[in-house]
Amino acid sequence: MTSDAQSSAAVSAGNAKNAPPAAVALRPVAGRAYLRQDAAAVLRRYVLESKLPPGARLPSEREIGVSLGLSRTSVREAMRYLEQEGLLEVRQGRPAVVRAFDLAPVLAPVVQRLAAERHRLCDLLAVRVPLELLAARLAASHRRDENLTAMRACLARACGRLDAGQDALEEDVLFHDLLYQAAGNGVLLAFSRTVKDLLRAVREAAREVDATLERSFTQHCTIYEAVAAGDAAAATTAMASHMDTVAAEQRAALGYLDQGSAGPAGTAGRDQQQRRNA
C-alpha cells in the first residue's frame, strides 16, 4: 500500500452534527484474508468506540474505502454484514446510519439453530428458567403503574376466555412478555421475544398431553399479586413454582413431539391448523 493511502486512515463521521468530537481511526486492512470480516470489524470498532448515537451517519463508501484500502464493493459487503448484525441500517443512495440497539438479529439465528437440535432445545428451555426468575424479581422492584395495568388487562382477558371455554394461549404468552417489560431490562426482553414463538409452539404441543392453561392462569395471578405488592421474594417464589409446572409440561410436550418427524414449530403449527379446520 502507498504512503498516500496509509495517510488517509482517519475519517470523519460524515455528518458533523452527529459525529463525536474525536472519532476512532479507520485503519487499512488491504492485503489480509477475509476482507469483508476485517472491514466489518474495523467499522464495528469505529461505531462502538466513537459512541455514535442511533441515527448518526457513517462516512461515504468512497471515504471508508480510501481509509481501509478497499474497493467500494468490499466496503458495501462489510456494511451489509453489520446490517445483518443489527448495528447499521444501509440505505440505497444514502450513507449508512447507526441503528438503535436491538439483540433480535443476533439472537434469532442462534435460537433457530438450537431449536433444530432436540438436545439443544432442552438446554435452551432450561436456560429460560433462571431468566424468568430474574424477570419476576426485577419486575417486583421496577414495575410501573402502566405495567400493572397491562398485566391486569391481560389476566382479565385470559379469565374471560377460559370461562367461555375459549383458547387463551396468546394471553398466556403475553403475560410473560409483559413481565419482562416490567423488569426494565432490555437484554432480558430481547431474549424473551426471540424465543417467544418457539415457546408458543411447545405450549401448543403441551396441550396435546393434557397441560391446562387454567393452571397456568392461576399461577400467573399469584405472580402478578406479588409483583403488584412489590414483593421480590414472593414474586421469585411464585415464578419458581410456575416454572416447575412449565418444565413438567415441556418434558411431556417434547416427548409428544418426538413421536413425529417435524420440529416443535412444524408439529405444533400443523396440530393447530388441524384444530382450526375441525
Protein backbone atom coordinates (compact mmCIF):
# COMPACT_ATOMS: atom_id res chain seq x y z
CA MET A 1 0.00 0.00 0.00
CA THR A 2 1.28 3.50 -0.79
CA SER A 3 2.07 6.02 1.91
CA ASP A 4 -0.65 8.27 0.46
CA ALA A 5 -3.29 5.61 1.13
CA GLN A 6 -1.98 4.99 4.62
CA SER A 7 -2.01 8.69 5.46
CA SER A 8 -5.79 8.82 4.97
CA ALA A 9 -6.50 6.42 7.84
CA ALA A 10 -8.59 8.85 9.91
CA VAL A 11 -12.11 9.56 8.61
CA SER A 12 -14.69 11.96 10.00
CA ALA A 13 -18.16 10.71 10.92
CA GLY A 14 -19.56 12.22 7.72
CA ASN A 15 -22.28 14.25 9.35
CA ALA A 16 -20.69 16.91 11.56
CA LYS A 17 -23.81 17.29 13.64
CA ASN A 18 -23.88 13.61 14.64
CA ALA A 19 -20.16 12.90 14.81
CA PRO A 20 -18.38 12.64 18.19
CA PRO A 21 -15.60 15.14 18.98
CA ALA A 22 -12.86 12.53 18.45
CA ALA A 23 -13.67 9.61 16.19
CA VAL A 24 -11.73 6.35 16.25
CA ALA A 25 -9.41 5.96 13.26
CA LEU A 26 -10.25 3.60 10.42
CA ARG A 27 -7.07 1.70 9.58
CA PRO A 28 -6.21 -0.14 6.35
CA VAL A 29 -6.93 -3.85 6.11
CA ALA A 30 -5.96 -4.48 2.46
CA GLY A 31 -3.71 -7.45 1.82
CA ARG A 32 -5.30 -9.58 4.53
CA ALA A 33 -7.62 -12.55 4.06
CA TYR A 34 -11.35 -12.31 4.72
CA LEU A 35 -11.53 -8.63 3.79
CA ARG A 36 -15.26 -8.34 4.44
CA GLN A 37 -14.95 -9.60 8.02
CA ASP A 38 -11.84 -7.50 8.63
CA ALA A 39 -13.52 -4.38 7.27
CA ALA A 40 -16.65 -5.12 9.27
CA ALA A 41 -14.56 -5.49 12.45
CA VAL A 42 -12.92 -2.11 11.84
CA LEU A 43 -16.25 -0.43 11.13
CA ARG A 44 -17.81 -2.06 14.20
CA ARG A 45 -15.00 -0.75 16.39
CA TYR A 46 -15.32 2.68 14.79
CA VAL A 47 -19.05 2.87 15.56
CA LEU A 48 -18.88 1.48 19.09
CA GLU A 49 -15.75 3.21 20.34
CA SER A 50 -16.73 6.52 18.76
CA LYS A 51 -20.05 6.18 20.65
CA LEU A 52 -22.02 7.11 17.56
CA PRO A 53 -25.67 7.50 18.54
CA PRO A 54 -28.60 5.86 16.71
CA GLY A 55 -29.25 7.77 13.51
CA ALA A 56 -25.66 9.00 13.12
CA ARG A 57 -24.32 8.78 9.58
CA LEU A 58 -21.18 6.93 8.63
CA PRO A 59 -18.73 8.34 6.10
CA SER A 60 -19.46 7.57 2.47
CA GLU A 61 -18.44 4.26 0.95
CA ARG A 62 -15.75 6.06 -1.01
CA GLU A 63 -14.24 7.68 2.10
CA ILE A 64 -14.30 4.41 4.01
CA GLY A 65 -12.82 2.57 1.03
CA VAL A 66 -9.91 5.02 0.80
CA SER A 67 -9.23 4.76 4.53
CA LEU A 68 -9.33 0.96 4.57
CA GLY A 69 -7.62 0.47 1.24
CA LEU A 70 -10.60 -1.49 -0.07
CA SER A 71 -12.89 -1.30 -3.05
CA ARG A 72 -16.37 0.14 -2.62
CA THR A 73 -17.73 -3.36 -3.26
CA SER A 74 -15.83 -4.75 -0.26
CA VAL A 75 -16.97 -1.83 1.88
CA ARG A 76 -20.56 -2.39 0.80
CA GLU A 77 -20.32 -6.09 1.73
CA ALA A 78 -18.89 -5.16 5.14
CA MET A 79 -21.79 -2.79 5.75
CA ARG A 80 -24.28 -5.48 4.79
CA TYR A 81 -22.53 -7.77 7.24
CA LEU A 82 -23.04 -5.22 10.04
CA GLU A 83 -26.62 -4.65 8.90
CA GLN A 84 -27.29 -8.34 9.49
CA GLU A 85 -25.88 -7.92 12.99
CA GLY A 86 -28.34 -5.09 13.58
CA LEU A 87 -25.67 -2.42 14.02
CA LEU A 88 -26.24 -0.45 10.82
CA GLU A 89 -29.09 0.47 8.52
CA VAL A 90 -27.93 0.52 4.92
CA ARG A 91 -29.99 2.73 2.64
CA GLN A 92 -29.89 2.91 -1.15
CA GLY A 93 -28.12 6.02 -2.39
CA ARG A 94 -27.57 7.45 1.11
CA PRO A 95 -24.93 6.99 3.83
CA ALA A 96 -25.42 4.11 6.22
CA VAL A 97 -26.69 5.08 9.67
CA VAL A 98 -26.31 3.56 13.12
CA ARG A 99 -29.34 1.57 14.27
CA ALA A 100 -30.82 1.59 17.75
CA PHE A 101 -29.69 -1.30 19.94
CA ASP A 102 -31.57 -4.50 19.11
CA LEU A 103 -30.45 -8.01 20.04
CA ALA A 104 -33.06 -9.80 17.94
CA PRO A 105 -30.97 -10.03 14.72
CA VAL A 106 -28.15 -11.59 16.72
CA LEU A 107 -30.20 -13.94 18.90
CA ALA A 108 -32.68 -15.18 16.30
CA PRO A 109 -30.24 -17.33 14.24
CA VAL A 110 -28.80 -18.82 17.44
CA VAL A 111 -32.23 -19.75 18.77
CA GLN A 112 -33.28 -21.22 15.42
CA ARG A 113 -30.16 -23.40 15.33
CA LEU A 114 -30.70 -24.55 18.92
CA ALA A 115 -34.35 -25.34 18.23
CA ALA A 116 -33.35 -27.57 15.32
CA GLU A 117 -31.40 -29.88 17.63
CA ARG A 118 -33.57 -31.58 20.24
CA HIS A 119 -30.95 -31.88 22.98
CA ARG A 120 -30.03 -28.24 22.46
CA LEU A 121 -33.68 -27.29 22.59
CA CYS A 122 -33.90 -28.83 26.06
CA ASP A 123 -30.86 -26.78 27.06
CA LEU A 124 -32.47 -23.64 25.68
CA LEU A 125 -35.67 -24.23 27.63
CA ALA A 126 -33.62 -24.84 30.78
CA VAL A 127 -31.83 -21.50 30.34
CA ARG A 128 -35.21 -19.81 30.35
CA VAL A 129 -35.88 -20.76 33.98
CA PRO A 130 -33.33 -18.54 35.77
CA LEU A 131 -34.16 -15.69 33.39
CA GLU A 132 -37.86 -15.94 34.28
CA LEU A 133 -36.95 -15.87 37.98
CA LEU A 134 -34.79 -12.81 37.41
CA ALA A 135 -37.57 -11.13 35.43
CA ALA A 136 -40.08 -11.72 38.23
CA ARG A 137 -37.71 -10.33 40.84
CA LEU A 138 -36.85 -7.26 38.78
CA ALA A 139 -40.49 -6.67 37.85
CA ALA A 140 -41.46 -6.54 41.54
CA SER A 141 -38.81 -3.89 42.09
CA HIS A 142 -39.16 -1.82 38.92
CA ARG A 143 -42.78 -2.17 37.76
CA ARG A 144 -44.71 0.98 36.98
CA ASP A 145 -48.41 1.64 37.09
CA GLU A 146 -48.73 1.15 33.33
CA ASN A 147 -47.04 -2.26 33.62
CA LEU A 148 -49.51 -3.38 36.27
CA THR A 149 -52.43 -2.06 34.23
CA ALA A 150 -51.33 -4.03 31.17
CA MET A 151 -50.81 -7.21 33.21
CA ARG A 152 -54.25 -6.89 34.85
CA ALA A 153 -55.87 -6.40 31.45
CA CYS A 154 -54.06 -9.49 30.11
CA LEU A 155 -55.20 -11.61 33.05
CA ALA A 156 -58.76 -10.31 32.72
CA ARG A 157 -58.87 -11.30 29.04
CA ALA A 158 -57.46 -14.71 29.85
CA CYS A 159 -60.05 -15.21 32.58
CA GLY A 160 -62.87 -14.25 30.25
CA ARG A 161 -61.72 -16.56 27.50
CA LEU A 162 -61.17 -19.50 29.83
CA ASP A 163 -64.60 -19.02 31.43
CA ALA A 164 -66.12 -19.07 27.95
CA GLY A 165 -64.24 -22.27 27.09
CA GLN A 166 -62.05 -20.45 24.58
CA ASP A 167 -58.34 -20.60 23.88
CA ALA A 168 -56.15 -18.26 25.97
CA LEU A 169 -52.71 -19.22 24.67
CA GLU A 170 -51.94 -15.74 23.37
CA GLU A 171 -52.72 -14.23 26.77
CA ASP A 172 -50.58 -16.91 28.40
CA VAL A 173 -47.59 -15.95 26.25
CA LEU A 174 -48.32 -12.22 26.53
CA PHE A 175 -48.24 -12.29 30.34
CA HIS A 176 -44.59 -13.31 30.29
CA ASP A 177 -43.76 -10.61 27.74
CA LEU A 178 -45.42 -8.00 29.96
CA LEU A 179 -43.50 -9.29 32.95
CA TYR A 180 -40.22 -8.85 31.07
CA GLN A 181 -41.28 -5.34 30.10
CA ALA A 182 -41.96 -4.55 33.75
CA ALA A 183 -38.49 -5.85 34.67
CA GLY A 184 -36.98 -2.95 32.74
CA ASN A 185 -34.04 -4.94 31.34
CA GLY A 186 -33.63 -4.66 27.58
CA VAL A 187 -31.47 -7.76 27.21
CA LEU A 188 -33.98 -9.93 29.08
CA LEU A 189 -36.81 -8.56 26.95
CA ALA A 190 -34.88 -9.23 23.73
CA PHE A 191 -34.24 -12.84 24.74
CA SER A 192 -37.88 -13.31 25.71
CA ARG A 193 -39.18 -12.02 22.40
CA THR A 194 -36.66 -14.03 20.41
CA VAL A 195 -37.79 -17.34 21.92
CA LYS A 196 -41.48 -16.41 22.17
CA ASP A 197 -42.59 -18.22 19.01
CA LEU A 198 -40.64 -21.31 19.99
CA LEU A 199 -42.21 -21.35 23.45
CA ARG A 200 -45.66 -20.87 21.93
CA ALA A 201 -45.08 -23.94 19.75
CA VAL A 202 -44.04 -26.01 22.75
CA ARG A 203 -47.09 -24.79 24.68
CA GLU A 204 -49.27 -25.85 21.75
CA ALA A 205 -47.80 -29.33 21.95
CA ALA A 206 -48.18 -29.37 25.74
CA ARG A 207 -51.94 -29.09 25.34
CA GLU A 208 -51.89 -32.35 23.43
CA VAL A 209 -50.66 -34.07 26.59
CA ASP A 210 -53.31 -32.53 28.87
CA ALA A 211 -51.44 -29.43 30.02
CA THR A 212 -54.08 -26.90 31.09
CA LEU A 213 -53.97 -23.14 30.67
CA GLU A 214 -56.26 -22.83 33.70
CA ARG A 215 -53.43 -23.94 35.98
CA SER A 216 -51.04 -21.55 34.26
CA PHE A 217 -53.56 -18.72 34.64
CA THR A 218 -53.88 -19.32 38.38
CA GLN A 219 -50.11 -19.24 38.77
CA HIS A 220 -49.88 -16.07 36.69
CA CYS A 221 -52.35 -14.42 39.05
CA THR A 222 -50.14 -15.34 42.02
CA ILE A 223 -47.09 -13.91 40.28
CA TYR A 224 -48.98 -10.72 39.45
CA GLU A 225 -50.11 -10.23 43.04
CA ALA A 226 -46.51 -10.48 44.28
CA VAL A 227 -45.26 -8.10 41.59
CA ALA A 228 -48.05 -5.60 42.32
CA ALA A 229 -47.18 -5.73 46.03
CA GLY A 230 -43.54 -5.06 45.24
CA ASP A 231 -42.52 -8.29 46.98
CA ALA A 232 -39.49 -9.53 45.02
CA ALA A 233 -39.03 -12.65 47.16
CA ALA A 234 -42.66 -13.71 46.78
CA ALA A 235 -42.60 -12.99 43.04
CA THR A 236 -39.49 -15.15 42.65
CA THR A 237 -41.02 -17.98 44.67
CA ALA A 238 -44.26 -17.84 42.68
CA MET A 239 -42.35 -17.89 39.41
CA ALA A 240 -40.24 -20.84 40.59
CA SER A 241 -43.42 -22.80 41.27
CA HIS A 242 -44.77 -21.84 37.86
CA MET A 243 -41.54 -22.88 36.15
CA ASP A 244 -41.71 -26.29 37.86
CA THR A 245 -45.13 -26.77 36.30
CA VAL A 246 -43.97 -25.48 32.92
CA ALA A 247 -40.89 -27.74 32.96
CA ALA A 248 -43.02 -30.83 33.54
CA GLU A 249 -45.35 -29.81 30.72
CA GLN A 250 -42.44 -29.14 28.40
CA ARG A 251 -40.89 -32.55 29.04
CA ALA A 252 -44.20 -34.17 28.19
CA ALA A 253 -44.59 -31.93 25.14
CA LEU A 254 -41.14 -32.75 23.81
CA GLY A 255 -41.88 -36.44 24.24
CA TYR A 256 -45.06 -35.92 22.23
CA LEU A 257 -43.15 -34.04 19.54
CA ASP A 258 -40.56 -36.81 19.33
CA GLN A 259 -43.30 -39.13 18.11
CA GLY A 260 -43.38 -37.14 14.86
CA SER A 261 -40.68 -36.19 12.40
CA ALA A 262 -41.22 -32.42 12.49
CA GLY A 263 -39.63 -29.96 14.87
CA PRO A 264 -41.61 -28.07 17.51
CA ALA A 265 -42.81 -25.28 15.30
CA GLY A 266 -43.80 -27.54 12.43
CA THR A 267 -45.64 -30.14 14.51
CA ALA A 268 -47.40 -27.64 16.72
CA GLY A 269 -48.35 -25.47 13.78
CA ARG A 270 -49.82 -28.48 11.95
CA ASP A 271 -51.80 -29.54 15.04
CA GLN A 272 -53.13 -26.03 15.46
CA GLN A 273 -54.23 -25.86 11.83
CA GLN A 274 -55.97 -29.22 12.14
CA ARG A 275 -57.94 -27.98 15.14
CA ARG A 276 -58.93 -24.83 13.25
CA ASN A 277 -60.15 -26.90 10.33
CA ALA A 278 -62.09 -29.29 12.56
